[in-house]
Protein backbone atom coordinates (compact mmCIF):
# COMPACT_ATOMS: atom_id res chain seq x y z
CA MET A 1 -25.25 -11.01 -4.57
CA THR A 2 -22.19 -13.04 -3.60
CA ILE A 3 -19.74 -12.19 -0.83
CA LYS A 4 -17.09 -11.45 -3.47
CA GLU A 5 -19.43 -8.94 -5.13
CA ALA A 6 -20.30 -7.36 -1.76
CA ASN A 7 -16.61 -6.95 -0.86
CA PHE A 8 -15.72 -5.24 -4.15
CA PRO A 9 -13.80 -2.92 -4.57
CA PHE A 10 -12.28 -3.07 -1.10
CA ASP A 11 -11.04 -6.66 -1.40
CA VAL A 12 -9.26 -5.88 -4.67
CA GLY A 13 -7.88 -2.57 -3.37
CA ILE A 14 -6.49 -4.11 -0.20
CA ALA A 15 -4.86 -6.98 -2.08
CA LYS A 16 -3.41 -4.60 -4.66
CA LEU A 17 -1.96 -2.25 -2.03
CA ILE A 18 -0.45 -5.16 -0.08
CA GLN A 19 1.21 -6.39 -3.26
CA ASN A 20 2.40 -2.92 -4.33
CA LYS A 21 3.94 -2.26 -0.92
CA GLY A 22 5.71 -5.62 -0.98
CA ILE A 23 4.43 -6.65 2.43
CA LYS A 24 2.87 -9.88 3.59
CA GLN A 25 -0.85 -10.35 4.26
CA ILE A 26 -0.07 -11.75 7.70
CA TYR A 27 1.61 -8.47 8.69
CA ILE A 28 -1.49 -6.45 7.74
CA ALA A 29 -3.82 -9.01 9.31
CA ASN A 30 -1.97 -8.91 12.63
CA LYS A 31 -1.69 -5.13 12.60
CA ALA A 32 -5.44 -4.82 12.00
CA GLY A 33 -6.27 -7.40 14.68
CA TYR A 34 -7.20 -10.32 12.42
CA THR A 35 -5.71 -13.73 11.87
CA ALA A 36 -4.05 -14.43 8.53
CA GLN A 37 -6.94 -16.79 7.72
CA GLU A 38 -9.57 -14.12 8.44
CA LEU A 39 -7.91 -11.63 6.10
CA SER A 40 -7.44 -14.31 3.46
CA ASP A 41 -11.13 -15.17 3.72
CA MET A 42 -12.06 -11.50 3.29
CA LEU A 43 -9.87 -11.09 0.22
CA ASN A 44 -11.04 -14.33 -1.38
CA GLY A 45 -14.79 -13.95 -0.97
CA ARG A 46 -15.30 -16.34 1.91
CA LYS A 47 -16.01 -13.68 4.56
CA ILE A 48 -17.78 -10.36 4.19
CA ILE A 49 -15.78 -7.19 4.77
CA LYS A 50 -17.97 -5.26 7.21
CA LEU A 51 -18.08 -1.50 7.44
CA CYS A 52 -16.15 -1.63 10.72
CA ASP A 53 -13.37 -3.66 9.07
CA VAL A 54 -12.51 -1.06 6.42
CA PRO A 55 -10.98 1.62 8.71
CA ARG A 56 -9.00 -1.02 10.63
CA LEU A 57 -7.51 -2.36 7.41
CA ALA A 58 -6.87 1.15 6.08
CA ASP A 59 -4.96 2.05 9.26
CA ALA A 60 -2.94 -1.17 9.05
CA LEU A 61 -2.02 -0.33 5.45
CA GLY A 62 -1.24 3.30 6.29
CA GLU A 63 -3.73 4.44 3.65
CA ASP A 64 -7.06 6.21 3.69
CA ILE A 65 -10.31 4.51 2.74
CA ASP A 66 -10.59 6.45 -0.52
CA THR A 67 -7.20 5.15 -1.65
CA ILE A 68 -8.26 1.55 -1.04
CA TYR A 69 -11.54 2.12 -2.89
CA SER A 70 -9.77 3.78 -5.83
CA ALA A 71 -7.15 1.03 -6.05
CA GLY A 72 -9.92 -1.53 -6.28
CA GLU A 73 -11.93 0.43 -8.82
CA GLU A 74 -8.90 0.78 -11.13
CA SER A 75 -8.80 -2.99 -11.48
CA GLU A 76 -12.35 -3.22 -12.80
């Protein structure tokens, strides 16, 4: 299993919600306590999204975890 496969559907859901809201990744990264590079690595399969990362990113996006999951699943 690759990192990209392990991060699915959260990576896709987070990227989709960021795009739909018209905000920048750096804003979400900073709000969640990550650098822009760390978030980019998560969304592009270079860094695993750990269980503890998901609620932090959900809070930064102002969404619940289920919404992120669903947004990612819709893209499949």
